[in-house]
Structure formats: structure tokens, C-alpha cells
């Protein structure tokens, strides 16, 4: 996830977020990861990732 966020490939998270959840990563942990990445990759990339994550979590 960190690589996708840093590279600006947020749209790919629609595939990877559900896989992370299937492997035991909680929704809170995923959001924490995205928030943490804001300091490294920049707020715009993190906010784009958060938008995708919200959509994925709503669909679940």
C-alpha cells in the first residue's frame, strides 16, 4: 500500500485493500497507514488514497 500511495497509484488500492483485510489487517490499521503516508508521500496522495479506501469500505 505504501508504494501505491507514494507512487500516486491510488486507483490500484481497490484491489489491494480488500486483500489486506482478508489477511487480517483492520480498517483502522489501513486508515492509519494512509494517514502516516501523508507525511512521506504528501497530503494530496494520501487524501486520494483515503477517498478510494472510503469507497472500498462502504462496499464491504
PDB file of N, CA and C in Angstrom:
ATOM      1  N   UNK A   1       0.807  -1.169   0.000  1.00  0.00           N
ATOM      2  CA  UNK A   1       0.000   0.000   0.000  1.00  0.00           C
ATOM      3  C   UNK A   1       0.862   1.248   0.000  1.00  0.00           C
ATOM      4  N   UNK A   2       1.901   1.253   0.786  1.00  0.00           N
ATOM      5  CA  UNK A   2       2.750   2.444   0.858  1.00  0.00           C
ATOM      6  C   UNK A   2       3.322   2.794  -0.511  1.00  0.00           C
ATOM      7  N   UNK A   3       3.747   1.804  -1.250  1.00  0.00           N
ATOM      8  CA  UNK A   3       4.301   2.038  -2.579  1.00  0.00           C
ATOM      9  C   UNK A   3       3.265   2.595  -3.534  1.00  0.00           C
ATOM     10  N   UNK A   4       2.051   2.080  -3.456  1.00  0.00           N
ATOM     11  CA  UNK A   4       0.981   2.576  -4.328  1.00  0.00           C
ATOM     12  C   UNK A   4       0.634   4.021  -3.994  1.00  0.00           C
ATOM     13  N   UNK A   5       0.555   4.320  -2.706  1.00  0.00           N
ATOM     14  CA  UNK A   5       0.235   5.685  -2.286  1.00  0.00           C
ATOM     15  C   UNK A   5       1.354   6.642  -2.699  1.00  0.00           C
ATOM     16  N   UNK A   6       2.587   6.270  -2.411  1.00  0.00           N
ATOM     17  CA  UNK A   6       3.724   7.137  -2.736  1.00  0.00           C
ATOM     18  C   UNK A   6       3.851   7.355  -4.240  1.00  0.00           C
ATOM     19  N   UNK A   7       3.510   6.350  -5.018  1.00  0.00           N
ATOM     20  CA  UNK A   7       3.604   6.457  -6.467  1.00  0.00           C
ATOM     21  C   UNK A   7       2.403   7.113  -7.116  1.00  0.00           C
ATOM     22  N   UNK A   8       1.407   7.461  -6.305  1.00  0.00           N
ATOM     23  CA  UNK A   8       0.217   8.103  -6.848  1.00  0.00           C
ATOM     24  C   UNK A   8      -0.720   7.159  -7.560  1.00  0.00           C
ATOM     25  N   UNK A   9      -0.647   5.881  -7.239  1.00  0.00           N
ATOM     26  CA  UNK A   9      -1.495   4.875  -7.899  1.00  0.00           C
ATOM     27  C   UNK A   9      -2.660   4.457  -7.010  1.00  0.00           C
ATOM     28  N   UNK A  10      -3.363   5.434  -6.488  1.00  0.00           N
ATOM     29  CA  UNK A  10      -4.459   5.163  -5.548  1.00  0.00           C
ATOM     30  C   UNK A  10      -5.533   4.258  -6.127  1.00  0.00           C
ATOM     31  N   UNK A  11      -5.769   4.359  -7.439  1.00  0.00           N
ATOM     32  CA  UNK A  11      -6.823   3.550  -8.044  1.00  0.00           C
ATOM     33  C   UNK A  11      -6.547   2.056  -7.892  1.00  0.00           C
ATOM     34  N   UNK A  12      -5.295   1.681  -7.735  1.00  0.00           N
ATOM     35  CA  UNK A  12      -4.931   0.273  -7.552  1.00  0.00           C
ATOM     36  C   UNK A  12      -5.317  -0.248  -6.172  1.00  0.00           C
ATOM     37  N   UNK A  13      -5.600   0.658  -5.249  1.00  0.00           N
ATOM     38  CA  UNK A  13      -5.965   0.255  -3.892  1.00  0.00           C
ATOM     39  C   UNK A  13      -7.297  -0.483  -3.847  1.00  0.00           C
ATOM     40  N   UNK A  14      -8.136  -0.294  -4.856  1.00  0.00           N
ATOM     41  CA  UNK A  14      -9.413  -1.012  -4.874  1.00  0.00           C
ATOM     42  C   UNK A  14      -9.195  -2.519  -4.898  1.00  0.00           C
ATOM     43  N   UNK A  15      -8.076  -2.951  -5.416  1.00  0.00           N
ATOM     44  CA  UNK A  15      -7.724  -4.370  -5.429  1.00  0.00           C
ATOM     45  C   UNK A  15      -6.994  -4.768  -4.144  1.00  0.00           C
ATOM     46  N   UNK A  16      -6.083  -3.933  -3.679  1.00  0.00           N
ATOM     47  CA  UNK A  16      -5.202  -4.297  -2.576  1.00  0.00           C
ATOM     48  C   UNK A  16      -5.824  -4.139  -1.185  1.00  0.00           C
ATOM     49  N   UNK A  17      -6.711  -3.179  -1.007  1.00  0.00           N
ATOM     50  CA  UNK A  17      -7.338  -3.005   0.307  1.00  0.00           C
ATOM     51  C   UNK A  17      -8.158  -4.226   0.729  1.00  0.00           C
ATOM     52  N   UNK A  18      -9.016  -4.770  -0.136  1.00  0.00           N
ATOM     53  CA  UNK A  18      -9.743  -5.978   0.276  1.00  0.00           C
ATOM     54  C   UNK A  18      -8.809  -7.156   0.584  1.00  0.00           C
ATOM     55  N   UNK A  19      -7.728  -7.270  -0.163  1.00  0.00           N
ATOM     56  CA  UNK A  19      -6.771  -8.352   0.122  1.00  0.00           C
ATOM     57  C   UNK A  19      -6.122  -8.171   1.482  1.00  0.00           C
ATOM     58  N   UNK A  20      -5.795  -6.925   1.813  1.00  0.00           N
ATOM     59  CA  UNK A  20      -5.215  -6.659   3.127  1.00  0.00           C
ATOM     60  C   UNK A  20      -6.199  -7.044   4.228  1.00  0.00           C
ATOM     61  N   UNK A  21      -7.461  -6.716   4.039  1.00  0.00           N
ATOM     62  CA  UNK A  21      -8.471  -7.066   5.048  1.00  0.00           C
ATOM     63  C   UNK A  21      -8.627  -8.577   5.165  1.00  0.00           C
ATOM     64  N   UNK A  22      -8.568  -9.285   4.023  1.00  0.00           N
ATOM     65  CA  UNK A  22      -8.657 -10.749   4.054  1.00  0.00           C
ATOM     66  C   UNK A  22      -7.481 -11.359   4.812  1.00  0.00           C
ATOM     67  N   UNK A  23      -6.364 -10.662   4.821  1.00  0.00           N
ATOM     68  CA  UNK A  23      -5.172 -11.157   5.503  1.00  0.00           C
ATOM     69  C   UNK A  23      -5.063 -10.659   6.939  1.00  0.00           C
ATOM     70  N   UNK A  24      -6.142 -10.080   7.464  1.00  0.00           N
ATOM     71  CA  UNK A  24      -6.197  -9.738   8.881  1.00  0.00           C
ATOM     72  C   UNK A  24      -5.876  -8.296   9.248  1.00  0.00           C
ATOM     73  N   UNK A  25      -5.641  -7.442   8.273  1.00  0.00           N
ATOM     74  CA  UNK A  25      -5.390  -6.035   8.577  1.00  0.00           C
ATOM     75  C   UNK A  25      -6.738  -5.357   8.795  1.00  0.00           C
ATOM     76  N   UNK A  26      -6.869  -4.633   9.898  1.00  0.00           N
ATOM     77  CA  UNK A  26      -8.150  -3.999  10.208  1.00  0.00           C
ATOM     78  C   UNK A  26      -8.327  -2.699   9.422  1.00  0.00           C
ATOM     79  N   UNK A  27      -9.557  -2.257   9.350  1.00  0.00           N
ATOM     80  CA  UNK A  27      -9.858  -0.998   8.678  1.00  0.00           C
ATOM     81  C   UNK A  27      -9.113   0.151   9.357  1.00  0.00           C
ATOM     82  N   UNK A  28      -9.067   0.140  10.679  1.00  0.00           N
ATOM     83  CA  UNK A  28      -8.355   1.187  11.424  1.00  0.00           C
ATOM     84  C   UNK A  28      -6.862   1.192  11.080  1.00  0.00           C
ATOM     85  N   UNK A  29      -6.278   0.021  10.960  1.00  0.00           N
ATOM     86  CA  UNK A  29      -4.854  -0.066  10.610  1.00  0.00           C
ATOM     87  C   UNK A  29      -4.592   0.449   9.195  1.00  0.00           C
ATOM     88  N   UNK A  30      -5.507   0.181   8.289  1.00  0.00           N
ATOM     89  CA  UNK A  30      -5.362   0.670   6.918  1.00  0.00           C
ATOM     90  C   UNK A  30      -5.444   2.190   6.879  1.00  0.00           C
ATOM     91  N   UNK A  31      -6.380   2.753   7.623  1.00  0.00           N
ATOM     92  CA  UNK A  31      -6.503   4.204   7.675  1.00  0.00           C
ATOM     93  C   UNK A  31      -5.269   4.824   8.323  1.00  0.00           C
ATOM     94  N   UNK A  32      -4.753   4.191   9.358  1.00  0.00           N
ATOM     95  CA  UNK A  32      -3.526   4.681   9.998  1.00  0.00           C
ATOM     96  C   UNK A  32      -2.363   4.679   9.013  1.00  0.00           C
ATOM     97  N   UNK A  33      -2.276   3.650   8.207  1.00  0.00           N
ATOM     98  CA  UNK A  33      -1.205   3.567   7.196  1.00  0.00           C
ATOM     99  C   UNK A  33      -1.320   4.711   6.195  1.00  0.00           C
ATOM    100  N   UNK A  34      -2.525   4.956   5.729  1.00  0.00           N
ATOM    101  CA  UNK A  34      -2.732   6.038   4.770  1.00  0.00           C
ATOM    102  C   UNK A  34      -2.389   7.383   5.402  1.00  0.00           C
ATOM    103  N   UNK A  35      -2.829   7.591   6.629  1.00  0.00           N
ATOM    104  CA  UNK A  35      -2.532   8.844   7.335  1.00  0.00           C
ATOM    105  C   UNK A  35      -1.030   9.009   7.518  1.00  0.00           C
ATOM    106  N   UNK A  36      -0.366   7.970   7.892  1.00  0.00           N
ATOM    107  CA  UNK A  36       1.082   8.000   8.088  1.00  0.00           C
ATOM    108  C   UNK A  36       1.799   8.343   6.785  1.00  0.00           C
ATOM    109  N   UNK A  37       1.298   7.810   5.689  1.00  0.00           N
ATOM    110  CA  UNK A  37       1.925   8.066   4.389  1.00  0.00           C
ATOM    111  C   UNK A  37       1.801   9.522   3.953  1.00  0.00           C
ATOM    112  N   UNK A  38       0.849  10.252   4.514  1.00  0.00           N
ATOM    113  CA  UNK A  38       0.687  11.664   4.158  1.00  0.00           C
ATOM    114  C   UNK A  38       1.963  12.453   4.440  1.00  0.00           C
ATOM    115  N   UNK A  39       2.677  12.095   5.485  1.00  0.00           N
ATOM    116  CA  UNK A  39       3.901  12.806   5.858  1.00  0.00           C
ATOM    117  C   UNK A  39       5.069  12.468   4.930  1.00  0.00           C
ATOM    118  N   UNK A  40       5.004  11.332   4.295  1.00  0.00           N
ATOM    119  CA  UNK A  40       6.091  10.897   3.417  1.00  0.00           C
ATOM    120  C   UNK A  40       5.794  11.154   1.942  1.00  0.00           C
ATOM    121  N   UNK A  41       4.560  10.890   1.538  1.00  0.00           N
ATOM    122  CA  UNK A  41       4.206  10.997   0.125  1.00  0.00           C
ATOM    123  C   UNK A  41       3.488  12.298  -0.201  1.00  0.00           C
ATOM    124  N   UNK A  42       3.032  12.983   0.822  1.00  0.00           N
ATOM    125  CA  UNK A  42       2.298  14.229   0.627  1.00  0.00           C
ATOM    126  C   UNK A  42       0.810  14.053   0.883  1.00  0.00           C
ATOM    127  N   UNK A  43       0.211  15.131   1.356  1.00  0.00           N
ATOM    128  CA  UNK A  43      -1.207  15.088   1.691  1.00  0.00           C
ATOM    129  C   UNK A  43      -2.103  14.807   0.494  1.00  0.00           C
ATOM    130  N   UNK A  44      -1.828  15.387  -0.690  1.00  0.00           N
ATOM    131  CA  UNK A  44      -2.724  15.092  -1.820  1.00  0.00           C
ATOM    132  C   UNK A  44      -2.794  13.597  -2.164  1.00  0.00           C
ATOM    133  N   UNK A  45      -1.675  12.932  -2.152  1.00  0.00           N
ATOM    134  CA  UNK A  45      -1.681  11.498  -2.466  1.00  0.00           C
ATOM    135  C   UNK A  45      -2.400  10.703  -1.381  1.00  0.00           C
ATOM    136  N   UNK A  46      -2.195  11.084  -0.131  1.00  0.00           N
ATOM    137  CA  UNK A  46      -2.860  10.385   0.967  1.00  0.00           C
ATOM    138  C   UNK A  46      -4.368  10.618   0.928  1.00  0.00           C
ATOM    139  N   UNK A  47      -4.781  11.832   0.616  1.00  0.00           N
ATOM    140  CA  UNK A  47      -6.213  12.117   0.545  1.00  0.00           C
ATOM    141  C   UNK A  47      -6.871  11.369  -0.614  1.00  0.00           C
ATOM    142  N   UNK A  48      -6.160  11.228  -1.719  1.00  0.00           N
ATOM    143  CA  UNK A  48      -6.684  10.429  -2.837  1.00  0.00           C
ATOM    144  C   UNK A  48      -6.848   8.980  -2.408  1.00  0.00           C
ATOM    145  N   UNK A  49      -5.869   8.467  -1.683  1.00  0.00           N
ATOM    146  CA  UNK A  49      -5.937   7.087  -1.187  1.00  0.00           C
ATOM    147  C   UNK A  49      -7.074   6.926  -0.192  1.00  0.00           C
ATOM    148  N   UNK A  50      -7.274   7.913   0.649  1.00  0.00           N
ATOM    149  CA  UNK A  50      -8.344   7.844   1.634  1.00  0.00           C
ATOM    150  C   UNK A  50      -9.718   7.841   0.961  1.00  0.00           C
ATOM    151  N   UNK A  51      -9.850   8.586  -0.108  1.00  0.00           N
ATOM    152  CA  UNK A  51     -11.103   8.589  -0.863  1.00  0.00           C
ATOM    153  C   UNK A  51     -11.402   7.206  -1.423  1.00  0.00           C
ATOM    154  N   UNK A  52     -10.395   6.565  -1.977  1.00  0.00           N
ATOM    155  CA  UNK A  52     -10.558   5.205  -2.506  1.00  0.00           C
ATOM    156  C   UNK A  52     -10.896   4.251  -1.370  1.00  0.00           C
ATOM    157  N   UNK A  53     -10.201   4.380  -0.240  1.00  0.00           N
ATOM    158  CA  UNK A  53     -10.450   3.491   0.906  1.00  0.00           C
ATOM    159  C   UNK A  53     -11.878   3.617   1.408  1.00  0.00           C
ATOM    160  N   UNK A  54     -12.390   4.835   1.491  1.00  0.00           N
ATOM    161  CA  UNK A  54     -13.777   5.025   1.923  1.00  0.00           C
ATOM    162  C   UNK A  54     -14.739   4.289   1.010  1.00  0.00           C
ATOM    163  N   UNK A  55     -14.530   4.382  -0.287  1.00  0.00           N
ATOM    164  CA  UNK A  55     -15.392   3.697  -1.246  1.00  0.00           C
ATOM    165  C   UNK A  55     -15.330   2.178  -1.060  1.00  0.00           C
ATOM    166  N   UNK A  56     -14.112   1.666  -0.873  1.00  0.00           N
ATOM    167  CA  UNK A  56     -13.923   0.218  -0.692  1.00  0.00           C
ATOM    168  C   UNK A  56     -14.587  -0.238   0.608  1.00  0.00           C
ATOM    169  N   UNK A  57     -14.431   0.539   1.692  1.00  0.00           N
ATOM    170  CA  UNK A  57     -15.005   0.142   2.983  1.00  0.00           C
ATOM    171  C   UNK A  57     -16.521   0.199   2.943  1.00  0.00           C
ATOM    172  N   UNK A  58     -17.084   1.163   2.227  1.00  0.00           N
ATOM    173  CA  UNK A  58     -18.547   1.252   2.097  1.00  0.00           C
ATOM    174  C   UNK A  58     -19.112   0.059   1.349  1.00  0.00           C
ATOM    175  N   UNK A  59     -18.385  -0.404   0.355  1.00  0.00           N
ATOM    176  CA  UNK A  59     -18.856  -1.522  -0.466  1.00  0.00           C
ATOM    177  C   UNK A  59     -18.789  -2.849   0.281  1.00  0.00           C
ATOM    178  N   UNK A  60     -17.942  -2.914   1.295  1.00  0.00           N
ATOM    179  CA  UNK A  60     -17.746  -4.184   2.015  1.00  0.00           C
ATOM    180  C   UNK A  60     -18.879  -4.502   2.971  1.00  0.00           C
TER     181      UNK A  60
END
